[in-house]
Each structure stands twice: as structure tokens, then as C-alpha cells.
């Protein structure tokens, strides 16, 4: 595990990260605070799970793309769109879920990232996110570098 991933775990986001068959996998513990009054994981928490998986992917596999900015790594990519389909509730009592992520499309300045949040019961969430490249100093859109495109294409399905 990288130091950055260890820092996420220390911040209350315990994780395990693996890469299998062009999908990035991330195991996320479910916390009591994630559960709503109906006894299942709150819908907004699922977006947080997706964020945690995306950050783990960036931190664990994109070390060459990161810059050190005050101790926080930066990859110069931001989410500009999320679509989330809720397939089944995730009930209280389950200890963890697996988030699988992969790239479905890469263009010159953005990519589409797909993800599933699943347990042994099946798929709970299907999500699609559009990720755009930005210049970290100006916050303006930019094109992906050759190395960024190569990184994203490793997960292309």
C-alpha cells in the first residue's frame, strides 16, 4: 500500500486495492454512520464510496502523474458529471462492499469512468462519471498528456 492510501485508511476509510482484468477493485468498509433511518446505506454515501475508489485508483496507480502540493497529491482530473443507478439497497449488517471501476471511453480532454458497487448479493449501484483534465494552476480545461492517456487506457473496456 502506498503512503497516500495508508493516510486514507488512517482517516477512517479502511481500504484494500487490487487491479484485476482491467478493472480497478477497491474494498470499502461500511460504517454505522453510513446507515440511514431505513436501515440501509444512504444514497449520498454511495457517491462517497465512488469517490474513495476513484481516489484510491489515482493514488495507487498514478504516482507518475502526481505533483506534490502541500503534501496532497494531485492528478489534474476532476469529475464533471455523475450518473448513478440504484439497483438494490445495501442493508445494515454488511461489513464491506467492493467497488469495481473501469474506463469506457477516452477522448483528448475527458474520459468516462464506469463503476459498480457490489456485495455477495449482487450489484447495488451502477455509476458513470465523466472526468475532465484540468490545469492545476489555472483550473482551466486541458488535454490529457500521453502518460495520462496511457494510464487511462490500461482500464479501457
N, C-alpha and C. Protein backbone atom coordinates (compact mmCIF):
# COMPACT_ATOMS: atom_id res chain seq x y z
N UNK A 1 0.85 -1.18 0.00
CA UNK A 1 0.00 0.00 0.00
C UNK A 1 0.89 1.24 0.00
N UNK A 2 0.51 2.22 -0.77
CA UNK A 2 1.27 3.47 -0.80
C UNK A 2 1.01 4.26 0.47
N UNK A 3 1.87 5.24 0.73
CA UNK A 3 1.68 6.10 1.91
C UNK A 3 0.36 6.85 1.83
N UNK A 4 -0.01 7.33 0.65
CA UNK A 4 -1.26 8.07 0.49
C UNK A 4 -2.47 7.19 0.79
N UNK A 5 -2.43 5.93 0.34
CA UNK A 5 -3.53 5.02 0.63
C UNK A 5 -3.58 4.73 2.12
N UNK A 6 -2.42 4.59 2.76
CA UNK A 6 -2.37 4.40 4.20
C UNK A 6 -3.00 5.59 4.92
N UNK A 7 -2.77 6.81 4.42
CA UNK A 7 -3.37 8.00 5.02
C UNK A 7 -4.89 7.97 4.92
N UNK A 8 -5.42 7.49 3.80
CA UNK A 8 -6.87 7.35 3.67
C UNK A 8 -7.39 6.38 4.73
N UNK A 9 -6.69 5.27 4.92
CA UNK A 9 -7.11 4.29 5.91
C UNK A 9 -7.08 4.89 7.31
N UNK A 10 -6.06 5.67 7.61
CA UNK A 10 -5.95 6.30 8.93
C UNK A 10 -7.04 7.34 9.14
N UNK A 11 -7.58 7.88 8.07
CA UNK A 11 -8.64 8.89 8.17
C UNK A 11 -10.02 8.25 8.30
N UNK A 12 -10.05 6.95 8.60
CA UNK A 12 -11.34 6.28 8.79
C UNK A 12 -11.91 5.70 7.52
N UNK A 13 -11.10 5.54 6.50
CA UNK A 13 -11.56 4.96 5.25
C UNK A 13 -10.70 3.73 4.93
N UNK A 14 -10.87 2.65 5.72
CA UNK A 14 -10.06 1.45 5.51
C UNK A 14 -10.31 0.88 4.12
N UNK A 15 -9.22 0.49 3.46
CA UNK A 15 -9.35 0.05 2.08
C UNK A 15 -8.40 -1.09 1.77
N UNK A 16 -8.72 -1.79 0.72
CA UNK A 16 -7.82 -2.75 0.10
C UNK A 16 -7.95 -2.53 -1.39
N UNK A 17 -6.84 -2.40 -2.09
CA UNK A 17 -6.87 -2.06 -3.51
C UNK A 17 -6.17 -3.15 -4.31
N UNK A 18 -6.79 -3.56 -5.43
CA UNK A 18 -6.20 -4.52 -6.35
C UNK A 18 -6.56 -4.13 -7.77
N UNK A 19 -5.79 -4.63 -8.72
CA UNK A 19 -6.12 -4.45 -10.13
C UNK A 19 -6.34 -5.85 -10.71
N UNK A 20 -7.51 -6.10 -11.28
CA UNK A 20 -7.80 -7.39 -11.88
C UNK A 20 -8.47 -7.19 -13.22
N UNK A 21 -7.95 -7.84 -14.22
CA UNK A 21 -8.52 -7.85 -15.57
C UNK A 21 -9.05 -6.49 -16.02
N UNK A 22 -8.22 -5.48 -15.94
CA UNK A 22 -8.54 -4.14 -16.41
C UNK A 22 -9.62 -3.44 -15.60
N UNK A 23 -9.98 -3.97 -14.48
CA UNK A 23 -10.87 -3.28 -13.56
C UNK A 23 -10.10 -2.99 -12.29
N UNK A 24 -10.25 -1.79 -11.81
CA UNK A 24 -9.66 -1.44 -10.52
C UNK A 24 -10.66 -1.86 -9.46
N UNK A 25 -10.23 -2.61 -8.45
CA UNK A 25 -11.14 -3.02 -7.38
C UNK A 25 -10.70 -2.40 -6.07
N UNK A 26 -11.70 -2.07 -5.28
CA UNK A 26 -11.48 -1.36 -4.02
C UNK A 26 -12.51 -1.88 -3.02
N UNK A 27 -12.06 -2.41 -1.91
CA UNK A 27 -12.97 -2.89 -0.87
C UNK A 27 -13.13 -1.80 0.18
N UNK A 28 -14.37 -1.44 0.44
CA UNK A 28 -14.69 -0.32 1.34
C UNK A 28 -15.51 -0.83 2.51
N UNK A 29 -15.05 -0.55 3.72
CA UNK A 29 -15.83 -0.91 4.91
C UNK A 29 -17.05 -0.01 5.01
N UNK A 30 -18.13 -0.59 5.48
CA UNK A 30 -19.35 0.18 5.73
C UNK A 30 -19.33 0.59 7.19
N UNK A 31 -19.53 1.87 7.43
CA UNK A 31 -19.54 2.39 8.80
C UNK A 31 -20.98 2.60 9.26
N UNK A 32 -21.17 2.58 10.55
CA UNK A 32 -22.51 2.80 11.11
C UNK A 32 -23.05 4.15 10.65
N UNK A 33 -22.17 5.15 10.53
CA UNK A 33 -22.59 6.50 10.11
C UNK A 33 -23.13 6.52 8.68
N UNK A 34 -22.85 5.48 7.90
CA UNK A 34 -23.34 5.41 6.52
C UNK A 34 -24.81 4.99 6.44
N UNK A 35 -25.33 4.46 7.54
CA UNK A 35 -26.68 3.89 7.56
C UNK A 35 -27.71 4.97 7.86
N UNK A 36 -28.82 4.96 7.12
CA UNK A 36 -29.87 5.96 7.35
C UNK A 36 -31.00 5.37 8.20
N UNK A 37 -32.05 6.13 8.39
CA UNK A 37 -33.17 5.73 9.25
C UNK A 37 -33.90 4.49 8.74
N UNK A 38 -33.73 4.15 7.47
CA UNK A 38 -34.38 2.97 6.90
C UNK A 38 -33.55 1.70 7.08
N UNK A 39 -32.37 1.83 7.70
CA UNK A 39 -31.54 0.66 7.96
C UNK A 39 -30.66 0.23 6.81
N UNK A 40 -30.48 1.11 5.83
CA UNK A 40 -29.56 0.78 4.74
C UNK A 40 -28.65 1.97 4.45
N UNK A 41 -27.63 1.73 3.62
CA UNK A 41 -26.68 2.78 3.29
C UNK A 41 -27.41 3.91 2.57
N UNK A 42 -27.20 5.13 3.03
CA UNK A 42 -27.83 6.31 2.44
C UNK A 42 -27.33 6.52 1.01
N UNK A 43 -28.22 6.95 0.12
CA UNK A 43 -27.86 7.12 -1.29
C UNK A 43 -26.67 8.06 -1.50
N UNK A 44 -26.57 9.11 -0.72
CA UNK A 44 -25.46 10.05 -0.88
C UNK A 44 -24.13 9.41 -0.49
N UNK A 45 -24.16 8.46 0.43
CA UNK A 45 -22.92 7.78 0.84
C UNK A 45 -22.34 6.95 -0.30
N UNK A 46 -23.20 6.44 -1.19
CA UNK A 46 -22.69 5.67 -2.32
C UNK A 46 -21.79 6.52 -3.20
N UNK A 47 -22.13 7.79 -3.38
CA UNK A 47 -21.29 8.69 -4.18
C UNK A 47 -19.94 8.87 -3.48
N UNK A 48 -19.95 8.92 -2.15
CA UNK A 48 -18.70 9.00 -1.39
C UNK A 48 -17.88 7.72 -1.60
N UNK A 49 -18.53 6.56 -1.62
CA UNK A 49 -17.81 5.30 -1.88
C UNK A 49 -17.13 5.36 -3.25
N UNK A 50 -17.86 5.87 -4.25
CA UNK A 50 -17.29 6.01 -5.60
C UNK A 50 -16.08 6.94 -5.58
N UNK A 51 -16.19 8.03 -4.82
CA UNK A 51 -15.07 8.97 -4.70
C UNK A 51 -13.86 8.29 -4.07
N UNK A 52 -14.08 7.54 -2.99
CA UNK A 52 -12.98 6.84 -2.33
C UNK A 52 -12.28 5.89 -3.30
N UNK A 53 -13.05 5.16 -4.09
CA UNK A 53 -12.47 4.22 -5.06
C UNK A 53 -11.69 4.96 -6.13
N UNK A 54 -12.22 6.07 -6.60
CA UNK A 54 -11.54 6.86 -7.63
C UNK A 54 -10.23 7.44 -7.08
N UNK A 55 -10.24 7.93 -5.85
CA UNK A 55 -9.02 8.46 -5.23
C UNK A 55 -7.99 7.35 -5.06
N UNK A 56 -8.43 6.18 -4.62
CA UNK A 56 -7.50 5.05 -4.46
C UNK A 56 -6.88 4.67 -5.80
N UNK A 57 -7.66 4.69 -6.86
CA UNK A 57 -7.13 4.41 -8.19
C UNK A 57 -6.06 5.43 -8.55
N UNK A 58 -6.37 6.71 -8.37
CA UNK A 58 -5.39 7.77 -8.66
C UNK A 58 -4.12 7.59 -7.83
N UNK A 59 -4.29 7.38 -6.53
CA UNK A 59 -3.14 7.34 -5.63
C UNK A 59 -2.29 6.10 -5.82
N UNK A 60 -2.92 4.97 -6.03
CA UNK A 60 -2.18 3.73 -6.08
C UNK A 60 -1.53 3.49 -7.44
N UNK A 61 -2.17 3.94 -8.51
CA UNK A 61 -1.69 3.62 -9.85
C UNK A 61 -1.19 4.81 -10.65
N UNK A 62 -1.35 6.01 -10.17
CA UNK A 62 -0.97 7.18 -10.96
C UNK A 62 0.16 7.97 -10.33
N UNK A 63 1.05 7.32 -9.62
CA UNK A 63 2.13 8.01 -8.95
C UNK A 63 2.96 8.89 -9.87
N UNK A 64 3.17 8.45 -11.10
CA UNK A 64 3.97 9.24 -12.04
C UNK A 64 3.24 10.50 -12.48
N UNK A 65 1.93 10.54 -12.29
CA UNK A 65 1.15 11.69 -12.73
C UNK A 65 0.96 12.73 -11.64
N UNK A 66 1.34 12.39 -10.40
CA UNK A 66 1.03 13.25 -9.27
C UNK A 66 2.10 14.31 -9.04
N UNK A 67 1.66 15.44 -8.55
CA UNK A 67 2.56 16.50 -8.12
C UNK A 67 2.34 16.69 -6.63
N UNK A 68 3.39 17.06 -5.94
CA UNK A 68 3.26 17.29 -4.51
C UNK A 68 2.85 18.73 -4.29
N UNK A 69 1.65 18.92 -3.76
CA UNK A 69 1.14 20.27 -3.48
C UNK A 69 0.76 20.32 -2.00
N UNK A 70 1.72 20.70 -1.18
CA UNK A 70 1.45 20.80 0.25
C UNK A 70 1.15 19.45 0.87
N UNK A 71 1.75 18.39 0.37
CA UNK A 71 1.52 17.06 0.92
C UNK A 71 0.35 16.34 0.29
N UNK A 72 -0.44 17.02 -0.53
CA UNK A 72 -1.59 16.38 -1.17
C UNK A 72 -1.27 16.10 -2.63
N UNK A 73 -1.36 14.83 -3.03
CA UNK A 73 -1.09 14.52 -4.43
C UNK A 73 -2.19 15.07 -5.32
N UNK A 74 -1.84 15.38 -6.55
CA UNK A 74 -2.81 15.93 -7.47
C UNK A 74 -2.60 15.31 -8.84
N UNK A 75 -3.68 14.89 -9.49
CA UNK A 75 -3.55 14.29 -10.81
C UNK A 75 -4.15 15.17 -11.89
N UNK A 76 -4.72 16.30 -11.55
CA UNK A 76 -5.23 17.21 -12.56
C UNK A 76 -6.44 16.69 -13.30
N UNK A 77 -7.29 15.94 -12.61
CA UNK A 77 -8.53 15.43 -13.20
C UNK A 77 -9.66 15.71 -12.22
N UNK A 78 -10.80 16.16 -12.74
CA UNK A 78 -11.95 16.45 -11.89
C UNK A 78 -13.20 15.80 -12.47
N UNK A 79 -14.15 15.50 -11.60
CA UNK A 79 -15.44 14.96 -12.03
C UNK A 79 -16.31 16.12 -12.51
N UNK A 80 -16.89 15.97 -13.70
CA UNK A 80 -17.79 17.00 -14.22
C UNK A 80 -19.22 16.47 -14.36
N UNK A 81 -19.40 15.16 -14.20
CA UNK A 81 -20.76 14.59 -14.28
C UNK A 81 -20.77 13.22 -13.60
N UNK A 82 -21.87 12.96 -12.87
CA UNK A 82 -22.14 11.65 -12.28
C UNK A 82 -23.53 11.19 -12.70
N UNK A 83 -23.66 9.92 -13.01
CA UNK A 83 -24.97 9.28 -13.17
C UNK A 83 -24.94 8.05 -12.28
N UNK A 84 -25.94 7.89 -11.43
CA UNK A 84 -25.98 6.75 -10.51
C UNK A 84 -27.32 6.06 -10.63
N UNK A 85 -27.27 4.75 -10.87
CA UNK A 85 -28.48 3.92 -10.89
C UNK A 85 -28.45 3.04 -9.65
N UNK A 86 -29.48 3.18 -8.82
CA UNK A 86 -29.58 2.43 -7.58
C UNK A 86 -30.34 1.14 -7.88
N UNK A 87 -29.65 0.00 -7.81
CA UNK A 87 -30.24 -1.30 -8.18
C UNK A 87 -30.89 -2.02 -7.00
N UNK A 88 -30.27 -1.96 -5.84
CA UNK A 88 -30.84 -2.61 -4.66
C UNK A 88 -30.25 -1.98 -3.41
N UNK A 89 -31.02 -1.94 -2.33
CA UNK A 89 -30.49 -1.33 -1.09
C UNK A 89 -29.37 -2.18 -0.50
N UNK A 90 -28.52 -1.53 0.24
CA UNK A 90 -27.45 -2.20 0.95
C UNK A 90 -27.80 -2.11 2.43
N UNK A 91 -28.24 -3.22 2.97
CA UNK A 91 -28.79 -3.27 4.33
C UNK A 91 -27.70 -3.20 5.39
N UNK A 92 -28.09 -2.69 6.57
CA UNK A 92 -27.21 -2.66 7.73
C UNK A 92 -26.81 -4.09 8.09
N UNK A 93 -25.59 -4.25 8.54
CA UNK A 93 -25.10 -5.56 8.94
C UNK A 93 -23.99 -6.08 8.04
N UNK A 94 -23.93 -5.59 6.83
CA UNK A 94 -22.85 -5.99 5.92
C UNK A 94 -21.60 -5.22 6.31
N UNK A 95 -20.45 -5.88 6.29
CA UNK A 95 -19.21 -5.24 6.74
C UNK A 95 -18.52 -4.43 5.66
N UNK A 96 -18.60 -4.88 4.40
CA UNK A 96 -17.90 -4.15 3.35
C UNK A 96 -18.55 -4.40 2.00
N UNK A 97 -18.17 -3.58 1.05
CA UNK A 97 -18.59 -3.74 -0.34
C UNK A 97 -17.35 -3.63 -1.22
N UNK A 98 -17.48 -4.08 -2.43
CA UNK A 98 -16.41 -3.95 -3.42
C UNK A 98 -16.86 -2.97 -4.49
N UNK A 99 -15.97 -2.04 -4.83
CA UNK A 99 -16.24 -1.11 -5.92
C UNK A 99 -15.28 -1.48 -7.05
N UNK A 100 -15.85 -1.79 -8.22
CA UNK A 100 -15.06 -2.09 -9.41
C UNK A 100 -15.21 -0.92 -10.36
N UNK A 101 -14.09 -0.42 -10.87
CA UNK A 101 -14.10 0.75 -11.77
C UNK A 101 -13.33 0.42 -13.04
N UNK A 102 -13.78 0.99 -14.15
CA UNK A 102 -13.08 0.82 -15.42
C UNK A 102 -13.41 2.00 -16.32
N UNK A 103 -12.61 2.20 -17.34
CA UNK A 103 -12.78 3.30 -18.28
C UNK A 103 -13.56 2.77 -19.49
N UNK A 104 -14.58 3.51 -19.91
CA UNK A 104 -15.37 3.10 -21.08
C UNK A 104 -15.06 3.93 -22.31
N UNK A 105 -14.45 5.10 -22.13
CA UNK A 105 -14.16 5.98 -23.26
C UNK A 105 -13.07 6.97 -22.85
N UNK A 106 -12.13 7.22 -23.77
CA UNK A 106 -11.10 8.22 -23.54
C UNK A 106 -11.08 9.15 -24.75
N UNK A 107 -11.21 10.45 -24.50
CA UNK A 107 -11.06 11.45 -25.57
C UNK A 107 -9.81 12.27 -25.25
N UNK A 108 -9.62 13.36 -25.96
CA UNK A 108 -8.42 14.16 -25.75
C UNK A 108 -8.40 14.88 -24.40
N UNK A 109 -9.56 15.24 -23.86
CA UNK A 109 -9.58 16.04 -22.63
C UNK A 109 -10.50 15.49 -21.55
N UNK A 110 -11.15 14.36 -21.81
CA UNK A 110 -12.03 13.77 -20.80
C UNK A 110 -12.11 12.27 -20.99
N UNK A 111 -12.65 11.61 -19.99
CA UNK A 111 -12.87 10.17 -20.08
C UNK A 111 -14.16 9.82 -19.34
N UNK A 112 -14.69 8.66 -19.66
CA UNK A 112 -15.87 8.14 -18.98
C UNK A 112 -15.41 7.00 -18.09
N UNK A 113 -15.77 7.07 -16.82
CA UNK A 113 -15.42 6.05 -15.85
C UNK A 113 -16.70 5.36 -15.41
N UNK A 114 -16.75 4.04 -15.52
CA UNK A 114 -17.91 3.27 -15.05
C UNK A 114 -17.52 2.58 -13.76
N UNK A 115 -18.52 2.31 -12.92
CA UNK A 115 -18.25 1.63 -11.66
C UNK A 115 -19.48 0.85 -11.21
N UNK A 116 -19.22 -0.20 -10.45
CA UNK A 116 -20.28 -0.96 -9.79
C UNK A 116 -19.91 -1.09 -8.33
N UNK A 117 -20.90 -0.93 -7.48
CA UNK A 117 -20.73 -1.23 -6.06
C UNK A 117 -21.48 -2.52 -5.84
N UNK A 118 -20.77 -3.55 -5.35
CA UNK A 118 -21.37 -4.87 -5.25
C UNK A 118 -21.03 -5.57 -3.94
N UNK A 119 -21.86 -6.52 -3.61
CA UNK A 119 -21.63 -7.40 -2.47
C UNK A 119 -21.93 -8.82 -2.96
N UNK A 120 -21.93 -9.78 -2.05
CA UNK A 120 -22.27 -11.14 -2.47
C UNK A 120 -23.74 -11.26 -2.87
N UNK A 121 -24.55 -10.25 -2.58
CA UNK A 121 -25.95 -10.23 -3.01
C UNK A 121 -26.09 -9.79 -4.47
N UNK A 122 -25.03 -9.18 -5.03
CA UNK A 122 -25.08 -8.69 -6.40
C UNK A 122 -24.72 -7.23 -6.48
N UNK A 123 -25.12 -6.60 -7.57
CA UNK A 123 -24.80 -5.20 -7.82
C UNK A 123 -25.82 -4.30 -7.11
N UNK A 124 -25.33 -3.36 -6.32
CA UNK A 124 -26.19 -2.41 -5.63
C UNK A 124 -26.28 -1.09 -6.40
N UNK A 125 -25.16 -0.69 -7.00
CA UNK A 125 -25.08 0.60 -7.70
C UNK A 125 -24.34 0.40 -9.02
N UNK A 126 -24.86 1.03 -10.07
CA UNK A 126 -24.12 1.18 -11.32
C UNK A 126 -23.96 2.68 -11.53
N UNK A 127 -22.73 3.10 -11.82
CA UNK A 127 -22.47 4.54 -11.95
C UNK A 127 -21.59 4.81 -13.16
N UNK A 128 -21.76 6.01 -13.67
CA UNK A 128 -20.94 6.52 -14.76
C UNK A 128 -20.54 7.94 -14.40
N UNK A 129 -19.26 8.23 -14.59
CA UNK A 129 -18.75 9.57 -14.29
C UNK A 129 -17.95 10.06 -15.48
N UNK A 130 -18.06 11.35 -15.75
CA UNK A 130 -17.21 11.98 -16.75
C UNK A 130 -16.12 12.72 -16.00
N UNK A 131 -14.88 12.42 -16.37
CA UNK A 131 -13.71 13.00 -15.72
C UNK A 131 -13.01 13.90 -16.75
N UNK A 132 -12.71 15.13 -16.37
CA UNK A 132 -12.04 16.06 -17.28
C UNK A 132 -10.65 16.40 -16.76
N UNK A 133 -9.74 16.62 -17.69
CA UNK A 133 -8.39 17.06 -17.35
C UNK A 133 -8.42 18.57 -17.13
N UNK A 134 -7.76 19.03 -16.07
CA UNK A 134 -7.68 20.47 -15.80
C UNK A 134 -6.24 20.84 -15.46
N UNK A 135 -5.89 22.05 -15.77
CA UNK A 135 -4.61 22.62 -15.38
C UNK A 135 -4.72 22.98 -13.91
N UNK A 136 -3.83 22.47 -13.07
CA UNK A 136 -3.92 22.69 -11.62
C UNK A 136 -3.68 24.14 -11.23
N UNK A 137 -2.94 24.87 -12.01
CA UNK A 137 -2.65 26.26 -11.66
C UNK A 137 -3.74 27.22 -12.09
N UNK A 138 -4.35 26.97 -13.25
CA UNK A 138 -5.36 27.89 -13.79
C UNK A 138 -6.79 27.39 -13.62
N UNK A 139 -6.95 26.10 -13.30
CA UNK A 139 -8.26 25.44 -13.18
C UNK A 139 -9.02 25.46 -14.51
N UNK A 140 -8.31 25.61 -15.61
CA UNK A 140 -8.93 25.60 -16.94
C UNK A 140 -8.76 24.22 -17.57
N UNK A 141 -9.69 23.86 -18.46
CA UNK A 141 -9.58 22.57 -19.15
C UNK A 141 -8.28 22.48 -19.95
N UNK A 142 -7.80 21.26 -20.09
CA UNK A 142 -6.59 21.00 -20.88
C UNK A 142 -6.72 19.60 -21.50
N UNK A 143 -5.79 19.26 -22.35
CA UNK A 143 -5.75 17.92 -22.93
C UNK A 143 -4.99 16.97 -22.00
N UNK A 144 -5.33 15.68 -22.06
CA UNK A 144 -4.57 14.68 -21.33
C UNK A 144 -3.16 14.60 -21.91
N UNK A 145 -2.20 14.35 -21.06
CA UNK A 145 -0.84 14.09 -21.53
C UNK A 145 -0.79 12.67 -22.08
N UNK A 146 0.29 12.35 -22.77
CA UNK A 146 0.47 11.00 -23.31
C UNK A 146 0.46 9.98 -22.18
N UNK A 147 1.15 10.29 -21.07
CA UNK A 147 1.20 9.35 -19.95
C UNK A 147 -0.16 9.20 -19.26
N UNK A 148 -0.94 10.26 -19.17
CA UNK A 148 -2.28 10.16 -18.59
C UNK A 148 -3.18 9.28 -19.46
N UNK A 149 -3.11 9.49 -20.78
CA UNK A 149 -3.91 8.65 -21.69
C UNK A 149 -3.51 7.19 -21.57
N UNK A 150 -2.22 6.92 -21.48
CA UNK A 150 -1.74 5.54 -21.35
C UNK A 150 -2.27 4.92 -20.05
N UNK A 151 -2.24 5.69 -18.97
CA UNK A 151 -2.77 5.21 -17.69
C UNK A 151 -4.25 4.88 -17.80
N UNK A 152 -5.04 5.78 -18.38
CA UNK A 152 -6.48 5.55 -18.52
C UNK A 152 -6.78 4.38 -19.44
N UNK A 153 -6.01 4.23 -20.49
CA UNK A 153 -6.25 3.15 -21.44
C UNK A 153 -5.96 1.78 -20.86
N UNK A 154 -5.19 1.71 -19.76
CA UNK A 154 -4.97 0.42 -19.08
C UNK A 154 -6.28 -0.15 -18.56
N UNK A 155 -7.25 0.70 -18.27
CA UNK A 155 -8.53 0.27 -17.71
C UNK A 155 -9.66 0.32 -18.72
N UNK A 156 -9.32 0.53 -19.98
CA UNK A 156 -10.34 0.68 -21.02
C UNK A 156 -10.98 -0.66 -21.35
N UNK A 157 -12.31 -0.69 -21.32
CA UNK A 157 -13.08 -1.90 -21.68
C UNK A 157 -13.83 -1.61 -22.95
